[in-house]
Amino acid sequence: DTSAEAIIAGVREVRAKIKASSMPTLPLHYTEWSTSYSPRDPGHDAYISAAYIVSRLKGSEGHAESMSYWTFTDIFEENGPVPSPFHGGFGLINFQGLRKSSFYAYQFLNRLGEEELISEDKDSWVTRGGSGVQVLFWNYTPAKTEESDQVYYKRDLPSKPAGTVRVSINGLRRGPYTLAMYRIGYGVNDVYTDYFKMGSPKTLTREQVKSLAERNDGRAVETQRVTVGVSGIFSRDVSMQENDVYLITLARN
């Protein structure tokens, strides 16, 4: 289910039942959740999974103590050995260790600071930690199709423009900062699309694995030095595509 309330509605419903019970303060832990219940769902491999993951976690914030994603790798053989490098497996990384878009969703989350700051955008997290500020934001646009995932996601799916986001942070100390911008989206940290464009081979050579890994290694799409003036404000306009996920870090020099 990729609807706007998928996962979120269920988490909130269970929390409401706990609150209404005789033990209203019981913790709630989800030890298995995913973009799909199937170990052969190509939606697991697609770039849309990154936006899906961060949007589900944001919507569940404050209602569950933990949400454990199922699972870390595609090494999962209840349905037999993996049939191809990208077969819709549960993992954040595939059988050859290639990092899917979903992997980078968690990497971005891991880079957030420990102190959450107020954000006016519900599709974002803004944090403070280390030597600066971190901003994670995204666009989640569910697929509009009547086809099954096994059909819809087995093709090249270019994203559409989703407008411009203005990132504006106030209350910063004046002075120099290093800005780093990271992105997940169509063709960026999107190993599945690169695999399609490679012809979807049933097996990968060492050279192909190396090429796919290097093209999807999570490096910053932009780094630069910026200076925050006496206003204490940093602003930046970012052009978004549907199902983009961005992380901006501002580290004080």
C-alpha atoms as a PDB file:
ATOM      1  CA  ASP A   1       0.000   0.000   0.000  1.00  0.00           C
ATOM      2  CA  THR A   2       1.619   3.258  -1.131  1.00  0.00           C
ATOM      3  CA  SER A   3      -1.253   5.592  -0.243  1.00  0.00           C
ATOM      4  CA  ALA A   4      -0.661   8.783   1.736  1.00  0.00           C
ATOM      5  CA  GLU A   5      -1.776   7.149   5.013  1.00  0.00           C
ATOM      6  CA  ALA A   6      -0.168   3.731   4.528  1.00  0.00           C
ATOM      7  CA  ILE A   7       1.651   2.503   7.675  1.00  0.00           C
ATOM      8  CA  ILE A   8       0.957   5.835   9.432  1.00  0.00           C
ATOM      9  CA  ALA A   9      -2.742   5.176   9.950  1.00  0.00           C
ATOM     10  CA  GLY A  10      -2.045   1.734  11.385  1.00  0.00           C
ATOM     11  CA  VAL A  11       0.603   2.989  13.806  1.00  0.00           C
ATOM     12  CA  ARG A  12      -1.641   5.775  15.080  1.00  0.00           C
ATOM     13  CA  GLU A  13      -4.587   3.411  15.443  1.00  0.00           C
ATOM     14  CA  VAL A  14      -2.587   1.006  17.602  1.00  0.00           C
ATOM     15  CA  ARG A  15      -1.286   3.903  19.720  1.00  0.00           C
ATOM     16  CA  ALA A  16      -4.884   5.093  20.269  1.00  0.00           C
ATOM     17  CA  LYS A  17      -5.902   1.585  21.376  1.00  0.00           C
ATOM     18  CA  ILE A  18      -3.010   1.470  23.847  1.00  0.00           C
ATOM     19  CA  LYS A  19      -3.975   4.870  25.269  1.00  0.00           C
ATOM     20  CA  ALA A  20      -7.559   3.688  25.701  1.00  0.00           C
ATOM     21  CA  SER A  21      -6.482   0.476  27.431  1.00  0.00           C
ATOM     22  CA  SER A  22      -5.853  -0.257  31.112  1.00  0.00           C
ATOM     23  CA  MET A  23      -2.106   0.206  30.434  1.00  0.00           C
ATOM     24  CA  PRO A  24      -2.015   3.464  28.449  1.00  0.00           C
ATOM     25  CA  THR A  25       1.731   4.065  28.812  1.00  0.00           C
ATOM     26  CA  LEU A  26       2.917   0.810  27.224  1.00  0.00           C
ATOM     27  CA  PRO A  27       5.659   1.355  24.609  1.00  0.00           C
ATOM     28  CA  LEU A  28       4.944   0.504  20.989  1.00  0.00           C
ATOM     29  CA  HIS A  29       7.631  -1.121  18.857  1.00  0.00           C
ATOM     30  CA  TYR A  30       7.263  -2.231  15.246  1.00  0.00           C
ATOM     31  CA  THR A  31       9.918  -4.920  14.767  1.00  0.00           C
ATOM     32  CA  GLU A  32       9.152  -5.500  11.062  1.00  0.00           C
ATOM     33  CA  TRP A  33       7.874  -2.972   8.565  1.00  0.00           C
ATOM     34  CA  SER A  34       8.668  -2.302   4.934  1.00  0.00           C
ATOM     35  CA  THR A  35       7.573  -0.720   1.677  1.00  0.00           C
ATOM     36  CA  SER A  36       5.856  -4.033   0.861  1.00  0.00           C
ATOM     37  CA  TYR A  37       5.108  -7.390   2.480  1.00  0.00           C
ATOM     38  CA  SER A  38       6.417  -9.303  -0.568  1.00  0.00           C
ATOM     39  CA  PRO A  39      10.039 -10.522  -0.966  1.00  0.00           C
ATOM     40  CA  ARG A  40       9.573 -10.124  -4.737  1.00  0.00           C
ATOM     41  CA  ASP A  41       8.258  -6.556  -4.988  1.00  0.00           C
ATOM     42  CA  PRO A  42      10.328  -4.302  -7.291  1.00  0.00           C
ATOM     43  CA  GLY A  43       9.024  -1.302  -5.367  1.00  0.00           C
ATOM     44  CA  HIS A  44      11.693  -2.216  -2.795  1.00  0.00           C
ATOM     45  CA  ASP A  45      14.352  -1.468  -5.397  1.00  0.00           C
ATOM     46  CA  ALA A  46      12.831   1.712  -6.872  1.00  0.00           C
ATOM     47  CA  TYR A  47      13.879   5.250  -5.969  1.00  0.00           C
ATOM     48  CA  ILE A  48      10.372   6.025  -4.659  1.00  0.00           C
ATOM     49  CA  SER A  49      11.128   3.781  -1.655  1.00  0.00           C
ATOM     50  CA  ALA A  50      13.357   6.456  -0.092  1.00  0.00           C
ATOM     51  CA  ALA A  51      10.606   9.097   0.014  1.00  0.00           C
ATOM     52  CA  TYR A  52       8.145   6.452   1.179  1.00  0.00           C
ATOM     53  CA  ILE A  53      10.364   5.462   4.110  1.00  0.00           C
ATOM     54  CA  VAL A  54      11.080   8.956   5.437  1.00  0.00           C
ATOM     55  CA  SER A  55       7.455  10.060   5.018  1.00  0.00           C
ATOM     56  CA  ARG A  56       6.157   6.992   6.901  1.00  0.00           C
ATOM     57  CA  LEU A  57       8.592   7.557   9.744  1.00  0.00           C
ATOM     58  CA  LYS A  58       7.715  11.249   9.956  1.00  0.00           C
ATOM     59  CA  GLY A  59       4.008  10.467  10.090  1.00  0.00           C
ATOM     60  CA  SER A  60       4.587   7.881  12.828  1.00  0.00           C
ATOM     61  CA  GLU A  61       6.760  10.176  14.951  1.00  0.00           C
ATOM     62  CA  GLY A  62       5.509  10.387  18.512  1.00  0.00           C
ATOM     63  CA  HIS A  63       3.243   7.356  18.132  1.00  0.00           C
ATOM     64  CA  ALA A  64       5.802   4.530  18.207  1.00  0.00           C
ATOM     65  CA  GLU A  65       9.019   4.156  20.186  1.00  0.00           C
ATOM     66  CA  SER A  66      10.753   2.340  17.343  1.00  0.00           C
ATOM     67  CA  MET A  67      10.216   1.263  13.727  1.00  0.00           C
ATOM     68  CA  SER A  68      12.578  -1.496  12.567  1.00  0.00           C
ATOM     69  CA  TYR A  69      12.806  -1.818   8.778  1.00  0.00           C
ATOM     70  CA  TRP A  70      12.657  -5.309   7.285  1.00  0.00           C
ATOM     71  CA  THR A  71      15.376  -5.988   6.264  1.00  0.00           C
ATOM     72  CA  PHE A  72      19.017  -4.946   5.826  1.00  0.00           C
ATOM     73  CA  THR A  73      20.049  -7.111   2.850  1.00  0.00           C
ATOM     74  CA  ASP A  74      18.527  -9.156   0.047  1.00  0.00           C
ATOM     75  CA  ILE A  75      20.076 -12.288   1.554  1.00  0.00           C
ATOM     76  CA  PHE A  76      16.666 -13.745   2.356  1.00  0.00           C
ATOM     77  CA  GLU A  77      16.006 -17.257   1.124  1.00  0.00           C
ATOM     78  CA  GLU A  78      12.581 -18.262   2.412  1.00  0.00           C
ATOM     79  CA  ASN A  79      11.510 -18.043  -1.241  1.00  0.00           C
ATOM     80  CA  GLY A  80      14.680 -19.686  -2.509  1.00  0.00           C
ATOM     81  CA  PRO A  81      17.965 -18.228  -3.779  1.00  0.00           C
ATOM     82  CA  VAL A  82      17.757 -14.772  -5.337  1.00  0.00           C
ATOM     83  CA  PRO A  83      16.887 -15.028  -9.056  1.00  0.00           C
ATOM     84  CA  SER A  84      18.590 -11.818 -10.237  1.00  0.00           C
ATOM     85  CA  PRO A  85      20.580  -8.840  -8.883  1.00  0.00           C
ATOM     86  CA  PHE A  86      17.395  -6.758  -8.486  1.00  0.00           C
ATOM     87  CA  HIS A  87      14.354  -8.943  -7.907  1.00  0.00           C
ATOM     88  CA  GLY A  88      12.321  -6.868  -5.449  1.00  0.00           C
ATOM     89  CA  GLY A  89      14.026  -8.211  -2.337  1.00  0.00           C
ATOM     90  CA  PHE A  90      13.396  -6.762   1.111  1.00  0.00           C
ATOM     91  CA  GLY A  91      16.917  -5.419   1.581  1.00  0.00           C
ATOM     92  CA  LEU A  92      18.400  -1.952   1.756  1.00  0.00           C
ATOM     93  CA  ILE A  93      21.333  -3.429  -0.172  1.00  0.00           C
ATOM     94  CA  ASN A  94      21.234  -6.124  -2.833  1.00  0.00           C
ATOM     95  CA  PHE A  95      22.997  -9.484  -2.984  1.00  0.00           C
ATOM     96  CA  GLN A  96      26.159  -7.902  -4.436  1.00  0.00           C
ATOM     97  CA  GLY A  97      26.244  -5.217  -1.725  1.00  0.00           C
ATOM     98  CA  LEU A  98      24.908  -2.463  -3.997  1.00  0.00           C
ATOM     99  CA  ARG A  99      23.117   0.245  -2.029  1.00  0.00           C
ATOM    100  CA  LYS A 100      19.510   0.890  -2.987  1.00  0.00           C
ATOM    101  CA  SER A 101      17.776   4.258  -2.645  1.00  0.00           C
ATOM    102  CA  SER A 102      16.208   2.958   0.582  1.00  0.00           C
ATOM    103  CA  PHE A 103      19.709   2.553   2.074  1.00  0.00           C
ATOM    104  CA  TYR A 104      20.406   6.243   1.577  1.00  0.00           C
ATOM    105  CA  ALA A 105      17.106   7.186   3.211  1.00  0.00           C
ATOM    106  CA  TYR A 106      18.453   5.669   6.418  1.00  0.00           C
ATOM    107  CA  GLN A 107      21.904   7.119   5.896  1.00  0.00           C
ATOM    108  CA  PHE A 108      20.373  10.603   5.664  1.00  0.00           C
ATOM    109  CA  LEU A 109      18.327   9.982   8.812  1.00  0.00           C
ATOM    110  CA  ASN A 110      21.481   8.834  10.599  1.00  0.00           C
ATOM    111  CA  ARG A 111      23.179  12.133   9.769  1.00  0.00           C
ATOM    112  CA  LEU A 112      20.562  14.209  11.546  1.00  0.00           C
ATOM    113  CA  GLY A 113      21.524  15.822  14.844  1.00  0.00           C
ATOM    114  CA  GLU A 114      20.163  14.787  18.221  1.00  0.00           C
ATOM    115  CA  GLU A 115      18.167  17.980  18.847  1.00  0.00           C
ATOM    116  CA  GLU A 116      15.046  18.398  16.714  1.00  0.00           C
ATOM    117  CA  LEU A 117      14.173  21.974  15.811  1.00  0.00           C
ATOM    118  CA  ILE A 118      10.842  23.478  14.808  1.00  0.00           C
ATOM    119  CA  SER A 119       9.996  23.211  11.113  1.00  0.00           C
ATOM    120  CA  GLU A 120       7.012  24.748   9.352  1.00  0.00           C
ATOM    121  CA  ASP A 121       7.059  22.018   6.694  1.00  0.00           C
ATOM    122  CA  LYS A 122       5.500  18.695   7.687  1.00  0.00           C
ATOM    123  CA  ASP A 123       7.603  16.911   5.061  1.00  0.00           C
ATOM    124  CA  SER A 124      10.888  17.678   6.768  1.00  0.00           C
ATOM    125  CA  TRP A 125      13.103  17.270   9.792  1.00  0.00           C
ATOM    126  CA  VAL A 126      15.378  20.049  10.973  1.00  0.00           C
ATOM    127  CA  THR A 127      17.973  19.238  13.612  1.00  0.00           C
ATOM    128  CA  ARG A 128      20.991  20.634  15.408  1.00  0.00           C
ATOM    129  CA  GLY A 129      24.022  18.585  16.294  1.00  0.00           C
ATOM    130  CA  GLY A 130      27.779  18.464  16.019  1.00  0.00           C
ATOM    131  CA  SER A 131      28.951  21.772  14.599  1.00  0.00           C
ATOM    132  CA  GLY A 132      25.861  22.820  12.745  1.00  0.00           C
ATOM    133  CA  VAL A 133      22.344  22.281  11.441  1.00  0.00           C
ATOM    134  CA  GLN A 134      20.845  19.554   9.270  1.00  0.00           C
ATOM    135  CA  VAL A 135      17.712  19.758   7.091  1.00  0.00           C
ATOM    136  CA  LEU A 136      16.061  16.658   5.641  1.00  0.00           C
ATOM    137  CA  PHE A 137      13.115  17.254   3.313  1.00  0.00           C
ATOM    138  CA  TRP A 138      11.273  15.336   0.639  1.00  0.00           C
ATOM    139  CA  ASN A 139       8.400  15.016  -1.777  1.00  0.00           C
ATOM    140  CA  TYR A 140       6.335  11.843  -1.573  1.00  0.00           C
ATOM    141  CA  THR A 141       3.996  11.343  -4.515  1.00  0.00           C
ATOM    142  CA  PRO A 142       2.299   7.924  -4.605  1.00  0.00           C
ATOM    143  CA  ALA A 143       2.211   6.162  -7.965  1.00  0.00           C
ATOM    144  CA  LYS A 144      -1.039   6.658  -9.874  1.00  0.00           C
ATOM    145  CA  THR A 145      -1.587   3.269 -11.471  1.00  0.00           C
ATOM    146  CA  GLU A 146      -3.927   0.288 -11.438  1.00  0.00           C
ATOM    147  CA  GLU A 147      -1.055  -2.059 -12.250  1.00  0.00           C
ATOM    148  CA  SER A 148       0.552  -4.310  -9.659  1.00  0.00           C
ATOM    149  CA  ASP A 149       3.988  -3.401  -8.324  1.00  0.00           C
ATOM    150  CA  GLN A 150       5.377  -6.440 -10.171  1.00  0.00           C
ATOM    151  CA  VAL A 151       4.355  -4.768 -13.439  1.00  0.00           C
ATOM    152  CA  TYR A 152       4.556  -1.036 -12.695  1.00  0.00           C
ATOM    153  CA  TYR A 153       8.059  -0.928 -11.191  1.00  0.00           C
ATOM    154  CA  LYS A 154       9.694  -3.146 -13.810  1.00  0.00           C
ATOM    155  CA  ARG A 155      10.357  -0.199 -16.106  1.00  0.00           C
ATOM    156  CA  ASP A 156      12.192   3.090 -16.312  1.00  0.00           C
ATOM    157  CA  LEU A 157      10.080   5.652 -14.401  1.00  0.00           C
ATOM    158  CA  PRO A 158      11.353   9.231 -14.866  1.00  0.00           C
ATOM    159  CA  SER A 159      10.118  11.653 -12.214  1.00  0.00           C
ATOM    160  CA  LYS A 160       8.116  14.818 -12.853  1.00  0.00           C
ATOM    161  CA  PRO A 161       8.861  18.338 -11.579  1.00  0.00           C
ATOM    162  CA  ALA A 162       7.406  19.053  -8.140  1.00  0.00           C
ATOM    163  CA  GLY A 163       8.138  22.773  -7.783  1.00  0.00           C
ATOM    164  CA  THR A 164      10.670  24.711  -5.775  1.00  0.00           C
ATOM    165  CA  VAL A 165      11.287  24.516  -2.039  1.00  0.00           C
ATOM    166  CA  ARG A 166      12.795  27.420  -0.157  1.00  0.00           C
ATOM    167  CA  VAL A 167      14.980  26.250   2.704  1.00  0.00           C
ATOM    168  CA  SER A 168      15.303  29.066   5.235  1.00  0.00           C
ATOM    169  CA  ILE A 169      17.052  28.669   8.595  1.00  0.00           C
ATOM    170  CA  ASN A 170      17.172  31.469  11.140  1.00  0.00           C
ATOM    171  CA  GLY A 171      18.940  31.881  14.457  1.00  0.00           C
ATOM    172  CA  LEU A 172      22.338  30.851  13.098  1.00  0.00           C
ATOM    173  CA  ARG A 173      25.589  32.275  14.396  1.00  0.00           C
ATOM    174  CA  ARG A 174      27.206  34.593  11.910  1.00  0.00           C
ATOM    175  CA  GLY A 175      30.299  33.398  10.129  1.00  0.00           C
ATOM    176  CA  PRO A 176      31.536  30.833   7.584  1.00  0.00           C
ATOM    177  CA  TYR A 177      29.917  27.423   7.095  1.00  0.00           C
ATOM    178  CA  THR A 178      30.442  24.463   4.813  1.00  0.00           C
ATOM    179  CA  LEU A 179      27.266  23.503   2.981  1.00  0.00           C
ATOM    180  CA  ALA A 180      26.823  19.948   1.721  1.00  0.00           C
ATOM    181  CA  MET A 181      23.775  18.843  -0.236  1.00  0.00           C
ATOM    182  CA  TYR A 182      22.844  15.190  -0.736  1.00  0.00           C
ATOM    183  CA  ARG A 183      20.015  13.832  -2.850  1.00  0.00           C
ATOM    184  CA  ILE A 184      18.072  10.668  -3.593  1.00  0.00           C
ATOM    185  CA  GLY A 185      15.807  10.637  -6.631  1.00  0.00           C
ATOM    186  CA  TYR A 186      15.418   9.499 -10.193  1.00  0.00           C
ATOM    187  CA  GLY A 187      18.904   8.802 -11.515  1.00  0.00           C
ATOM    188  CA  VAL A 188      20.624   9.975  -8.297  1.00  0.00           C
ATOM    189  CA  ASN A 189      21.558   7.284  -5.786  1.00  0.00           C
ATOM    190  CA  ASP A 190      19.132   5.241  -7.867  1.00  0.00           C
ATOM    191  CA  VAL A 191      20.964   2.025  -8.654  1.00  0.00           C
ATOM    192  CA  TYR A 192      17.796   0.310  -9.886  1.00  0.00           C
ATOM    193  CA  THR A 193      17.319   2.786 -12.745  1.00  0.00           C
ATOM    194  CA  ASP A 194      20.994   2.441 -13.674  1.00  0.00           C
ATOM    195  CA  TYR A 195      20.499  -1.339 -13.697  1.00  0.00           C
ATOM    196  CA  PHE A 196      17.588  -0.902 -16.120  1.00  0.00           C
ATOM    197  CA  LYS A 197      19.706   1.261 -18.394  1.00  0.00           C
ATOM    198  CA  MET A 198      22.372  -1.456 -18.282  1.00  0.00           C
ATOM    199  CA  GLY A 199      19.832  -3.825 -19.830  1.00  0.00           C
ATOM    200  CA  SER A 200      18.738  -5.599 -16.598  1.00  0.00           C
ATOM    201  CA  PRO A 201      21.284  -8.447 -16.901  1.00  0.00           C
ATOM    202  CA  LYS A 202      20.469 -11.661 -15.019  1.00  0.00           C
ATOM    203  CA  THR A 203      24.009 -11.638 -13.622  1.00  0.00           C
ATOM    204  CA  LEU A 204      26.450  -8.790 -13.050  1.00  0.00           C
ATOM    205  CA  THR A 205      30.139  -8.850 -13.887  1.00  0.00           C
ATOM    206  CA  ARG A 206      32.638  -7.429 -11.409  1.00  0.00           C
ATOM    207  CA  GLU A 207      33.062  -4.444 -13.699  1.00  0.00           C
ATOM    208  CA  GLN A 208      29.312  -3.823 -13.780  1.00  0.00           C
ATOM    209  CA  VAL A 209      29.051  -4.052  -9.989  1.00  0.00           C
ATOM    210  CA  LYS A 210      31.913  -1.585  -9.645  1.00  0.00           C
ATOM    211  CA  SER A 211      30.324   0.810 -12.129  1.00  0.00           C
ATOM    212  CA  LEU A 212      26.918   0.693 -10.408  1.00  0.00           C
ATOM    213  CA  ALA A 213      28.507   1.183  -6.974  1.00  0.00           C
ATOM    214  CA  GLU A 214      30.569   4.172  -8.094  1.00  0.00           C
ATOM    215  CA  ARG A 215      27.579   5.880  -9.712  1.00  0.00           C
ATOM    216  CA  ASN A 216      25.485   5.427  -6.568  1.00  0.00           C
ATOM    217  CA  ASP A 217      27.936   6.022  -3.730  1.00  0.00           C
ATOM    218  CA  GLY A 218      26.005   8.675  -1.771  1.00  0.00           C
ATOM    219  CA  ARG A 219      28.467  11.493  -2.389  1.00  0.00           C
ATOM    220  CA  ALA A 220      27.254  15.067  -2.024  1.00  0.00           C
ATOM    221  CA  VAL A 221      25.728  16.531  -5.170  1.00  0.00           C
ATOM    222  CA  GLU A 222      27.064  19.928  -4.088  1.00  0.00           C
ATOM    223  CA  THR A 223      29.488  21.338  -1.521  1.00  0.00           C
ATOM    224  CA  GLN A 224      30.457  24.969  -1.019  1.00  0.00           C
ATOM    225  CA  ARG A 225      31.476  27.557   1.537  1.00  0.00           C
ATOM    226  CA  VAL A 226      28.730  29.963   2.591  1.00  0.00           C
ATOM    227  CA  THR A 227      28.700  32.907   4.978  1.00  0.00           C
ATOM    228  CA  VAL A 228      25.865  33.727   7.358  1.00  0.00           C
ATOM    229  CA  GLY A 229      25.566  37.431   7.987  1.00  0.00           C
ATOM    230  CA  VAL A 230      24.299  39.476  10.930  1.00  0.00           C
ATOM    231  CA  SER A 231      20.695  38.458  10.181  1.00  0.00           C
ATOM    232  CA  GLY A 232      21.532  34.889  11.200  1.00  0.00           C
ATOM    233  CA  ILE A 233      19.555  33.575   8.223  1.00  0.00           C
ATOM    234  CA  PHE A 234      20.534  31.055   5.567  1.00  0.00           C
ATOM    235  CA  SER A 235      18.208  30.644   2.561  1.00  0.00           C
ATOM    236  CA  ARG A 236      18.378  28.411  -0.481  1.00  0.00           C
ATOM    237  CA  ASP A 237      15.878  27.537  -3.227  1.00  0.00           C
ATOM    238  CA  VAL A 238      15.895  23.885  -4.295  1.00  0.00           C
ATOM    239  CA  SER A 239      14.156  22.536  -7.395  1.00  0.00           C
ATOM    240  CA  MET A 240      12.333  19.319  -6.530  1.00  0.00           C
ATOM    241  CA  GLN A 241      11.254  16.329  -8.573  1.00  0.00           C
ATOM    242  CA  GLU A 242       8.521  13.964  -7.414  1.00  0.00           C
ATOM    243  CA  ASN A 243       9.845  11.577  -4.746  1.00  0.00           C
ATOM    244  CA  ASP A 244      13.107  13.460  -4.249  1.00  0.00           C
ATOM    245  CA  VAL A 245      14.751  13.310  -0.825  1.00  0.00           C
ATOM    246  CA  TYR A 246      17.304  15.990   0.093  1.00  0.00           C
ATOM    247  CA  LEU A 247      19.662  16.394   3.020  1.00  0.00           C
ATOM    248  CA  ILE A 248      21.388  19.736   3.544  1.00  0.00           C
ATOM    249  CA  THR A 249      24.058  20.048   6.225  1.00  0.00           C
ATOM    250  CA  LEU A 250      25.505  23.353   7.389  1.00  0.00           C
ATOM    251  CA  ALA A 251      28.691  22.832   9.379  1.00  0.00           C
ATOM    252  CA  ARG A 252      30.279  25.821  11.076  1.00  0.00           C
ATOM    253  CA  ASN A 253      33.943  26.284  10.184  1.00  0.00           C
END
